[in-house]
Amino acid sequence: MTNPHTIEIRLAQRDDAPALHAMICEIGKATGCADKIASSPEDLARDGFGEHRAFEALIAIDDDTPVAMCLFFPSYSTFRGRAGLYIQDLYVAPSHRGGGFAKRLVSAVTKHAHASGKSYIRLSVDAENAVGQRFYEKLGMRHADDEKIYVLDSDAFDTLMGSN
């Protein structure tokens, strides 16, 4: 068990991009999607820490070692008429699972959202990730039965972009 006094959770900085990317790659491996990861640490540095940030992330550090992260970005609900945050990635290293890191990270994102005038958190969970689904339900999140996530990318994105 880790010593809770050595753990720091803070907003990620540009220098954390390689660690964030390594954790994203671990998510890819765990979900069987490692071959789909086309991003690089340089992409994260550019898009998360430049002038026009596409995302923010919290990172947990244990004695100078990154062990967990939560990457998120703004969301808006026209039904609620309110802004929120969308959690894209949540990862805790196997060595630190069961220590409350995931809950601490989601709680910190919630506080960050509230402090910036946002009123909800959204996310999606891999359909096969029953452990993750139970975790989010324990936090009080509910599954949106009335929604399905659709993605437009790759050739379909290029085709639609080129149509009139």
N, C-alpha and C. Protein backbone atom coordinates (compact mmCIF):
# COMPACT_ATOMS: atom_id res chain seq x y z
N MET A 1 0.85 -1.18 0.00
CA MET A 1 0.00 0.00 0.00
C MET A 1 0.89 1.24 0.00
N THR A 2 0.49 2.23 -0.75
CA THR A 2 1.28 3.45 -0.84
C THR A 2 1.02 4.34 0.35
N ASN A 3 1.97 5.17 0.66
CA ASN A 3 1.83 6.15 1.72
C ASN A 3 1.04 7.33 1.17
N PRO A 4 -0.13 7.62 1.74
CA PRO A 4 -0.97 8.69 1.18
C PRO A 4 -0.31 10.07 1.24
N HIS A 5 0.73 10.22 2.05
CA HIS A 5 1.40 11.52 2.14
C HIS A 5 2.30 11.80 0.95
N THR A 6 2.60 10.79 0.14
CA THR A 6 3.49 10.99 -0.99
C THR A 6 2.73 11.21 -2.29
N ILE A 7 1.41 11.14 -2.24
CA ILE A 7 0.59 11.25 -3.44
C ILE A 7 0.24 12.71 -3.70
N GLU A 8 0.43 13.12 -4.94
CA GLU A 8 0.04 14.47 -5.36
C GLU A 8 -0.89 14.32 -6.56
N ILE A 9 -2.04 14.98 -6.51
CA ILE A 9 -2.92 15.06 -7.67
C ILE A 9 -2.95 16.52 -8.08
N ARG A 10 -2.59 16.75 -9.34
CA ARG A 10 -2.50 18.13 -9.83
C ARG A 10 -2.88 18.17 -11.30
N LEU A 11 -3.11 19.38 -11.81
CA LEU A 11 -3.34 19.54 -13.24
C LEU A 11 -2.06 19.17 -13.98
N ALA A 12 -2.23 18.41 -15.03
CA ALA A 12 -1.08 18.01 -15.84
C ALA A 12 -0.48 19.22 -16.54
N GLN A 13 0.80 19.13 -16.79
CA GLN A 13 1.54 20.17 -17.49
C GLN A 13 2.15 19.58 -18.76
N ARG A 14 2.63 20.42 -19.62
CA ARG A 14 3.21 19.98 -20.89
C ARG A 14 4.23 18.86 -20.70
N ASP A 15 5.06 18.95 -19.69
CA ASP A 15 6.08 17.93 -19.45
C ASP A 15 5.47 16.57 -19.09
N ASP A 16 4.19 16.55 -18.74
CA ASP A 16 3.52 15.29 -18.40
C ASP A 16 2.97 14.57 -19.62
N ALA A 17 3.06 15.17 -20.80
CA ALA A 17 2.48 14.57 -22.00
C ALA A 17 2.98 13.14 -22.25
N PRO A 18 4.29 12.84 -22.11
CA PRO A 18 4.72 11.45 -22.31
C PRO A 18 4.08 10.48 -21.30
N ALA A 19 3.95 10.89 -20.06
CA ALA A 19 3.32 10.02 -19.06
C ALA A 19 1.84 9.83 -19.36
N LEU A 20 1.15 10.89 -19.75
CA LEU A 20 -0.26 10.77 -20.12
C LEU A 20 -0.41 9.80 -21.29
N HIS A 21 0.45 9.96 -22.29
CA HIS A 21 0.37 9.10 -23.47
C HIS A 21 0.65 7.64 -23.10
N ALA A 22 1.62 7.41 -22.23
CA ALA A 22 1.91 6.04 -21.80
C ALA A 22 0.70 5.41 -21.12
N MET A 23 -0.02 6.19 -20.32
CA MET A 23 -1.21 5.66 -19.64
C MET A 23 -2.34 5.43 -20.64
N ILE A 24 -2.46 6.29 -21.64
CA ILE A 24 -3.46 6.07 -22.69
C ILE A 24 -3.15 4.77 -23.44
N CYS A 25 -1.88 4.53 -23.69
CA CYS A 25 -1.49 3.27 -24.34
C CYS A 25 -1.84 2.07 -23.47
N GLU A 26 -1.72 2.20 -22.16
CA GLU A 26 -2.11 1.12 -21.25
C GLU A 26 -3.62 0.88 -21.31
N ILE A 27 -4.41 1.95 -21.44
CA ILE A 27 -5.85 1.80 -21.62
C ILE A 27 -6.11 1.03 -22.91
N GLY A 28 -5.41 1.39 -23.96
CA GLY A 28 -5.56 0.70 -25.24
C GLY A 28 -5.27 -0.78 -25.13
N LYS A 29 -4.20 -1.13 -24.43
CA LYS A 29 -3.86 -2.54 -24.23
C LYS A 29 -4.95 -3.26 -23.45
N ALA A 30 -5.42 -2.63 -22.38
CA ALA A 30 -6.42 -3.26 -21.51
C ALA A 30 -7.76 -3.47 -22.22
N THR A 31 -8.07 -2.63 -23.18
CA THR A 31 -9.35 -2.75 -23.89
C THR A 31 -9.21 -3.44 -25.23
N GLY A 32 -8.02 -3.93 -25.54
CA GLY A 32 -7.81 -4.60 -26.82
C GLY A 32 -7.78 -3.65 -28.00
N CYS A 33 -7.50 -2.38 -27.74
CA CYS A 33 -7.52 -1.37 -28.79
C CYS A 33 -6.15 -0.72 -29.00
N ALA A 34 -5.10 -1.35 -28.56
CA ALA A 34 -3.77 -0.74 -28.67
C ALA A 34 -3.43 -0.38 -30.11
N ASP A 35 -3.90 -1.19 -31.05
CA ASP A 35 -3.61 -0.93 -32.47
C ASP A 35 -4.34 0.29 -33.00
N LYS A 36 -5.32 0.79 -32.29
CA LYS A 36 -6.08 1.96 -32.73
C LYS A 36 -5.47 3.28 -32.27
N ILE A 37 -4.49 3.22 -31.38
CA ILE A 37 -3.91 4.45 -30.85
C ILE A 37 -2.93 5.03 -31.87
N ALA A 38 -3.28 6.17 -32.42
CA ALA A 38 -2.45 6.84 -33.42
C ALA A 38 -1.83 8.12 -32.85
N SER A 39 -2.21 8.49 -31.64
CA SER A 39 -1.69 9.71 -31.04
C SER A 39 -0.25 9.52 -30.57
N SER A 40 0.40 10.64 -30.31
CA SER A 40 1.77 10.63 -29.80
C SER A 40 1.84 11.59 -28.61
N PRO A 41 2.90 11.50 -27.82
CA PRO A 41 3.07 12.49 -26.76
C PRO A 41 3.11 13.91 -27.31
N GLU A 42 3.65 14.07 -28.51
CA GLU A 42 3.71 15.40 -29.13
C GLU A 42 2.30 15.92 -29.45
N ASP A 43 1.42 15.03 -29.88
CA ASP A 43 0.03 15.44 -30.13
C ASP A 43 -0.62 15.95 -28.84
N LEU A 44 -0.41 15.22 -27.75
CA LEU A 44 -0.99 15.63 -26.47
C LEU A 44 -0.39 16.95 -26.00
N ALA A 45 0.92 17.11 -26.17
CA ALA A 45 1.56 18.38 -25.77
C ALA A 45 0.99 19.55 -26.56
N ARG A 46 0.80 19.34 -27.86
CA ARG A 46 0.27 20.40 -28.73
C ARG A 46 -1.18 20.72 -28.38
N ASP A 47 -2.00 19.69 -28.25
CA ASP A 47 -3.45 19.90 -28.11
C ASP A 47 -3.92 20.14 -26.69
N GLY A 48 -3.12 19.76 -25.71
CA GLY A 48 -3.54 19.94 -24.32
C GLY A 48 -2.88 21.09 -23.61
N PHE A 49 -1.81 21.62 -24.20
CA PHE A 49 -1.05 22.61 -23.46
C PHE A 49 -0.66 23.82 -24.30
N GLY A 50 -1.29 23.94 -25.45
CA GLY A 50 -1.01 25.08 -26.32
C GLY A 50 -1.98 26.21 -26.06
N GLU A 51 -2.04 27.11 -27.02
CA GLU A 51 -2.90 28.29 -26.90
C GLU A 51 -4.39 27.92 -26.90
N HIS A 52 -4.77 26.95 -27.72
CA HIS A 52 -6.17 26.52 -27.81
C HIS A 52 -6.28 25.09 -27.31
N ARG A 53 -6.41 24.96 -26.00
CA ARG A 53 -6.43 23.64 -25.36
C ARG A 53 -7.68 22.85 -25.74
N ALA A 54 -7.45 21.62 -26.19
CA ALA A 54 -8.56 20.72 -26.51
C ALA A 54 -8.99 19.91 -25.29
N PHE A 55 -8.12 19.83 -24.28
CA PHE A 55 -8.43 19.06 -23.09
C PHE A 55 -7.57 19.54 -21.93
N GLU A 56 -7.93 19.08 -20.76
CA GLU A 56 -7.12 19.21 -19.56
C GLU A 56 -6.99 17.82 -18.97
N ALA A 57 -6.08 17.66 -18.05
CA ALA A 57 -5.93 16.37 -17.39
C ALA A 57 -5.44 16.58 -15.97
N LEU A 58 -5.88 15.71 -15.10
CA LEU A 58 -5.32 15.62 -13.76
C LEU A 58 -4.39 14.42 -13.77
N ILE A 59 -3.30 14.53 -13.05
CA ILE A 59 -2.35 13.42 -12.97
C ILE A 59 -2.03 13.18 -11.49
N ALA A 60 -1.92 11.91 -11.14
CA ALA A 60 -1.54 11.53 -9.77
C ALA A 60 -0.10 11.07 -9.80
N ILE A 61 0.69 11.61 -8.89
CA ILE A 61 2.11 11.32 -8.81
C ILE A 61 2.40 10.70 -7.44
N ASP A 62 3.10 9.58 -7.45
CA ASP A 62 3.52 8.90 -6.23
C ASP A 62 5.04 8.88 -6.22
N ASP A 63 5.65 9.65 -5.33
CA ASP A 63 7.12 9.75 -5.26
C ASP A 63 7.74 9.98 -6.63
N ASP A 64 7.28 11.00 -7.34
CA ASP A 64 7.78 11.39 -8.66
C ASP A 64 7.42 10.44 -9.79
N THR A 65 6.58 9.45 -9.54
CA THR A 65 6.17 8.50 -10.57
C THR A 65 4.70 8.71 -10.89
N PRO A 66 4.35 9.02 -12.16
CA PRO A 66 2.94 9.14 -12.55
C PRO A 66 2.26 7.76 -12.43
N VAL A 67 1.15 7.73 -11.70
CA VAL A 67 0.46 6.44 -11.46
C VAL A 67 -1.01 6.45 -11.88
N ALA A 68 -1.55 7.61 -12.17
CA ALA A 68 -2.96 7.69 -12.55
C ALA A 68 -3.22 9.02 -13.24
N MET A 69 -4.29 9.03 -14.06
CA MET A 69 -4.65 10.27 -14.73
C MET A 69 -6.13 10.25 -15.11
N CYS A 70 -6.65 11.44 -15.30
CA CYS A 70 -8.02 11.62 -15.78
C CYS A 70 -7.99 12.78 -16.77
N LEU A 71 -8.31 12.48 -18.02
CA LEU A 71 -8.29 13.47 -19.10
C LEU A 71 -9.73 13.86 -19.43
N PHE A 72 -9.99 15.17 -19.54
CA PHE A 72 -11.36 15.66 -19.73
C PHE A 72 -11.37 16.92 -20.58
N PHE A 73 -12.56 17.26 -21.06
CA PHE A 73 -12.71 18.46 -21.88
C PHE A 73 -14.13 18.99 -21.73
N PRO A 74 -14.37 20.24 -22.16
CA PRO A 74 -15.69 20.85 -22.00
C PRO A 74 -16.79 20.11 -22.77
N SER A 75 -17.97 20.16 -22.22
CA SER A 75 -19.17 19.61 -22.84
C SER A 75 -20.28 20.63 -22.64
N TYR A 76 -21.31 20.53 -23.45
CA TYR A 76 -22.46 21.42 -23.27
C TYR A 76 -23.74 20.64 -23.52
N SER A 77 -24.71 20.80 -22.64
CA SER A 77 -26.00 20.14 -22.79
C SER A 77 -27.05 21.18 -23.17
N THR A 78 -27.58 21.06 -24.37
CA THR A 78 -28.66 21.97 -24.78
C THR A 78 -29.93 21.68 -24.00
N PHE A 79 -30.14 20.44 -23.58
CA PHE A 79 -31.33 20.11 -22.78
C PHE A 79 -31.23 20.74 -21.40
N ARG A 80 -30.06 20.66 -20.78
CA ARG A 80 -29.87 21.25 -19.45
C ARG A 80 -29.70 22.77 -19.53
N GLY A 81 -29.19 23.23 -20.67
CA GLY A 81 -28.83 24.64 -20.77
C GLY A 81 -27.64 24.96 -19.89
N ARG A 82 -26.75 23.97 -19.74
CA ARG A 82 -25.61 24.12 -18.84
C ARG A 82 -24.36 23.49 -19.45
N ALA A 83 -23.24 24.00 -19.03
CA ALA A 83 -21.95 23.45 -19.43
C ALA A 83 -21.52 22.37 -18.44
N GLY A 84 -20.74 21.43 -18.92
CA GLY A 84 -20.21 20.36 -18.09
C GLY A 84 -18.84 19.95 -18.59
N LEU A 85 -18.40 18.79 -18.13
CA LEU A 85 -17.14 18.22 -18.58
C LEU A 85 -17.37 16.79 -19.03
N TYR A 86 -16.61 16.38 -20.02
CA TYR A 86 -16.65 15.01 -20.51
C TYR A 86 -15.33 14.35 -20.15
N ILE A 87 -15.37 13.27 -19.40
CA ILE A 87 -14.17 12.52 -19.08
C ILE A 87 -13.89 11.56 -20.23
N GLN A 88 -12.76 11.74 -20.88
CA GLN A 88 -12.37 10.90 -22.00
C GLN A 88 -11.62 9.66 -21.53
N ASP A 89 -10.68 9.84 -20.63
CA ASP A 89 -9.84 8.73 -20.18
C ASP A 89 -9.62 8.82 -18.68
N LEU A 90 -9.72 7.67 -18.02
CA LEU A 90 -9.40 7.54 -16.60
C LEU A 90 -8.55 6.29 -16.47
N TYR A 91 -7.37 6.44 -15.87
CA TYR A 91 -6.46 5.30 -15.76
C TYR A 91 -5.77 5.33 -14.40
N VAL A 92 -5.66 4.14 -13.81
CA VAL A 92 -4.88 3.95 -12.59
C VAL A 92 -3.97 2.76 -12.83
N ALA A 93 -2.69 2.92 -12.57
CA ALA A 93 -1.73 1.82 -12.75
C ALA A 93 -2.15 0.63 -11.90
N PRO A 94 -1.97 -0.59 -12.40
CA PRO A 94 -2.33 -1.78 -11.63
C PRO A 94 -1.75 -1.79 -10.22
N SER A 95 -0.55 -1.27 -10.05
CA SER A 95 0.09 -1.24 -8.73
C SER A 95 -0.63 -0.35 -7.73
N HIS A 96 -1.50 0.53 -8.22
CA HIS A 96 -2.18 1.48 -7.35
C HIS A 96 -3.70 1.33 -7.34
N ARG A 97 -4.19 0.31 -8.00
CA ARG A 97 -5.64 0.08 -8.00
C ARG A 97 -6.11 -0.39 -6.63
N GLY A 98 -7.34 0.01 -6.30
CA GLY A 98 -7.89 -0.34 -5.00
C GLY A 98 -7.52 0.65 -3.91
N GLY A 99 -6.75 1.66 -4.26
CA GLY A 99 -6.32 2.65 -3.27
C GLY A 99 -7.13 3.93 -3.30
N GLY A 100 -8.22 3.96 -4.06
CA GLY A 100 -9.07 5.14 -4.10
C GLY A 100 -8.65 6.20 -5.11
N PHE A 101 -7.66 5.90 -5.94
CA PHE A 101 -7.18 6.91 -6.89
C PHE A 101 -8.25 7.33 -7.88
N ALA A 102 -8.96 6.37 -8.44
CA ALA A 102 -9.98 6.70 -9.45
C ALA A 102 -11.04 7.61 -8.83
N LYS A 103 -11.49 7.28 -7.64
CA LYS A 103 -12.50 8.11 -6.98
C LYS A 103 -11.94 9.51 -6.69
N ARG A 104 -10.70 9.56 -6.23
CA ARG A 104 -10.09 10.87 -5.95
C ARG A 104 -9.97 11.70 -7.22
N LEU A 105 -9.61 11.07 -8.33
CA LEU A 105 -9.49 11.80 -9.59
C LEU A 105 -10.84 12.31 -10.08
N VAL A 106 -11.86 11.45 -10.05
CA VAL A 106 -13.19 11.89 -10.51
C VAL A 106 -13.72 12.98 -9.58
N SER A 107 -13.49 12.84 -8.29
CA SER A 107 -13.90 13.88 -7.34
C SER A 107 -13.19 15.20 -7.64
N ALA A 108 -11.90 15.13 -7.94
CA ALA A 108 -11.14 16.34 -8.27
C ALA A 108 -11.65 16.98 -9.56
N VAL A 109 -12.02 16.15 -10.54
CA VAL A 109 -12.59 16.69 -11.78
C VAL A 109 -13.93 17.38 -11.47
N THR A 110 -14.71 16.77 -10.61
CA THR A 110 -16.00 17.36 -10.23
C THR A 110 -15.79 18.72 -9.56
N LYS A 111 -14.82 18.81 -8.68
CA LYS A 111 -14.52 20.10 -8.03
C LYS A 111 -14.03 21.11 -9.06
N HIS A 112 -13.19 20.66 -9.99
CA HIS A 112 -12.69 21.53 -11.05
C HIS A 112 -13.87 22.03 -11.91
N ALA A 113 -14.79 21.13 -12.22
CA ALA A 113 -15.97 21.50 -13.01
C ALA A 113 -16.79 22.56 -12.27
N HIS A 114 -17.07 22.30 -11.03
CA HIS A 114 -17.88 23.24 -10.23
C HIS A 114 -17.21 24.61 -10.14
N ALA A 115 -15.90 24.61 -9.90
CA ALA A 115 -15.17 25.88 -9.76
C ALA A 115 -15.19 26.69 -11.05
N SER A 116 -15.36 26.01 -12.19
CA SER A 116 -15.40 26.73 -13.46
C SER A 116 -16.82 26.88 -14.00
N GLY A 117 -17.82 26.73 -13.11
CA GLY A 117 -19.21 27.00 -13.48
C GLY A 117 -19.90 25.87 -14.23
N LYS A 118 -19.35 24.68 -14.18
CA LYS A 118 -19.96 23.55 -14.89
C LYS A 118 -20.77 22.72 -13.91
N SER A 119 -21.81 22.04 -14.44
CA SER A 119 -22.75 21.40 -13.52
C SER A 119 -22.94 19.90 -13.73
N TYR A 120 -22.18 19.29 -14.61
CA TYR A 120 -22.34 17.84 -14.78
C TYR A 120 -21.07 17.25 -15.37
N ILE A 121 -20.98 15.93 -15.25
CA ILE A 121 -19.88 15.15 -15.83
C ILE A 121 -20.52 14.07 -16.70
N ARG A 122 -19.97 13.87 -17.88
CA ARG A 122 -20.38 12.78 -18.78
C ARG A 122 -19.16 11.94 -19.11
N LEU A 123 -19.41 10.70 -19.46
CA LEU A 123 -18.33 9.82 -19.93
C LEU A 123 -18.96 8.61 -20.56
N SER A 124 -18.16 7.85 -21.26
CA SER A 124 -18.62 6.55 -21.76
C SER A 124 -17.66 5.50 -21.23
N VAL A 125 -18.16 4.29 -21.10
CA VAL A 125 -17.38 3.18 -20.58
C VAL A 125 -17.40 2.08 -21.63
N ASP A 126 -16.26 1.45 -21.84
CA ASP A 126 -16.20 0.31 -22.74
C ASP A 126 -17.29 -0.69 -22.35
N ALA A 127 -18.03 -1.17 -23.35
CA ALA A 127 -19.16 -2.07 -23.10
C ALA A 127 -18.75 -3.33 -22.34
N GLU A 128 -17.50 -3.75 -22.47
CA GLU A 128 -17.02 -4.97 -21.80
C GLU A 128 -16.49 -4.69 -20.39
N ASN A 129 -16.37 -3.44 -20.00
CA ASN A 129 -15.74 -3.07 -18.74
C ASN A 129 -16.76 -3.04 -17.60
N ALA A 130 -17.13 -4.21 -17.11
CA ALA A 130 -18.12 -4.31 -16.03
C ALA A 130 -17.60 -3.69 -14.74
N VAL A 131 -16.31 -3.83 -14.47
CA VAL A 131 -15.72 -3.24 -13.26
C VAL A 131 -15.85 -1.72 -13.30
N GLY A 132 -15.52 -1.13 -14.45
CA GLY A 132 -15.64 0.31 -14.61
C GLY A 132 -17.09 0.78 -14.48
N GLN A 133 -18.00 0.03 -15.06
CA GLN A 133 -19.42 0.38 -14.98
C GLN A 133 -19.89 0.38 -13.53
N ARG A 134 -19.51 -0.64 -12.78
CA ARG A 134 -19.90 -0.69 -11.36
C ARG A 134 -19.28 0.46 -10.58
N PHE A 135 -18.03 0.78 -10.89
CA PHE A 135 -17.36 1.89 -10.22
C PHE A 135 -18.13 3.19 -10.41
N TYR A 136 -18.48 3.50 -11.66
CA TYR A 136 -19.18 4.76 -11.93
C TYR A 136 -20.56 4.77 -11.29
N GLU A 137 -21.22 3.64 -11.27
CA GLU A 137 -22.53 3.56 -10.61
C GLU A 137 -22.40 3.81 -9.11
N LYS A 138 -21.33 3.28 -8.49
CA LYS A 138 -21.10 3.52 -7.06
C LYS A 138 -20.87 5.00 -6.78
N LEU A 139 -20.31 5.72 -7.74
CA LEU A 139 -20.10 7.16 -7.57
C LEU A 139 -21.40 7.95 -7.69
N GLY A 140 -22.46 7.28 -8.17
CA GLY A 140 -23.74 7.97 -8.34
C GLY A 140 -24.06 8.29 -9.78
N MET A 141 -23.19 7.87 -10.70
CA MET A 141 -23.48 8.11 -12.11
C MET A 141 -24.55 7.12 -12.56
N ARG A 142 -25.31 7.52 -13.54
CA ARG A 142 -26.35 6.63 -14.09
C ARG A 142 -26.07 6.39 -15.56
N HIS A 143 -26.45 5.22 -16.00
CA HIS A 143 -26.30 4.86 -17.41
C HIS A 143 -27.43 5.52 -18.19
N ALA A 144 -27.11 6.19 -19.27
CA ALA A 144 -28.12 6.86 -20.09
C ALA A 144 -28.66 5.85 -21.11
N ASP A 145 -29.72 5.17 -20.73
CA ASP A 145 -30.32 4.16 -21.60
C ASP A 145 -30.88 4.75 -22.89
N ASP A 146 -31.18 6.03 -22.88
CA ASP A 146 -31.82 6.66 -24.04
C ASP A 146 -30.80 7.21 -25.04
N GLU A 147 -29.51 6.90 -24.86
CA GLU A 147 -28.49 7.41 -25.76
C GLU A 147 -27.58 6.29 -26.26
N LYS A 148 -27.04 6.46 -27.46
CA LYS A 148 -26.00 5.62 -28.00
C LYS A 148 -24.95 6.55 -28.58
N ILE A 149 -23.69 6.19 -28.42
CA ILE A 149 -22.61 7.01 -28.95
C ILE A 149 -22.32 6.58 -30.38
N TYR A 150 -22.26 7.54 -31.29
CA TYR A 150 -21.89 7.30 -32.67
C TYR A 150 -20.59 8.03 -32.96
N VAL A 151 -19.78 7.49 -33.83
CA VAL A 151 -18.49 8.08 -34.17
C VAL A 151 -18.38 8.20 -35.69
N LEU A 152 -17.95 9.35 -36.15
CA LEU A 152 -17.66 9.58 -37.56
C LEU A 152 -16.17 9.86 -37.64
N ASP A 153 -15.42 8.94 -38.27
CA ASP A 153 -13.98 9.14 -38.40
C ASP A 153 -13.47 8.42 -39.63
N SER A 154 -12.17 8.47 -39.84
CA SER A 154 -11.49 7.78 -40.94
C SER A 154 -12.10 8.11 -42.30
N ASP A 155 -12.32 7.08 -43.11
CA ASP A 155 -12.84 7.28 -44.46
C ASP A 155 -14.22 7.92 -44.47
N ALA A 156 -15.07 7.52 -43.52
CA ALA A 156 -16.42 8.10 -43.47
C ALA A 156 -16.35 9.60 -43.20
N PHE A 157 -15.44 10.02 -42.32
CA PHE A 157 -15.24 11.44 -42.03
C PHE A 157 -14.81 12.17 -43.29
N ASP A 158 -13.81 11.61 -43.99
CA ASP A 158 -13.30 12.24 -45.22
C ASP A 158 -14.37 12.30 -46.30
N THR A 159 -15.17 11.24 -46.41
CA THR A 159 -16.23 11.20 -47.42
C THR A 159 -17.28 12.27 -47.15
N LEU A 160 -17.74 12.35 -45.91
CA LEU A 160 -18.77 13.33 -45.56
C LEU A 160 -18.22 14.75 -45.68
N MET A 161 -16.98 14.94 -45.30
CA MET A 161 -16.36 16.26 -45.40
C MET A 161 -16.33 16.73 -46.85
N GLY A 162 -16.14 15.78 -47.76
CA GLY A 162 -16.03 16.13 -49.18
C GLY A 162 -17.36 16.23 -49.90
N SER A 163 -18.46 15.86 -49.22
CA SER A 163 -19.76 15.91 -49.90
C SER A 163 -20.38 17.29 -49.78
N ASN A 164 -21.26 17.59 -50.70
CA ASN A 164 -21.94 18.90 -50.68
C ASN A 164 -23.31 18.72 -50.21
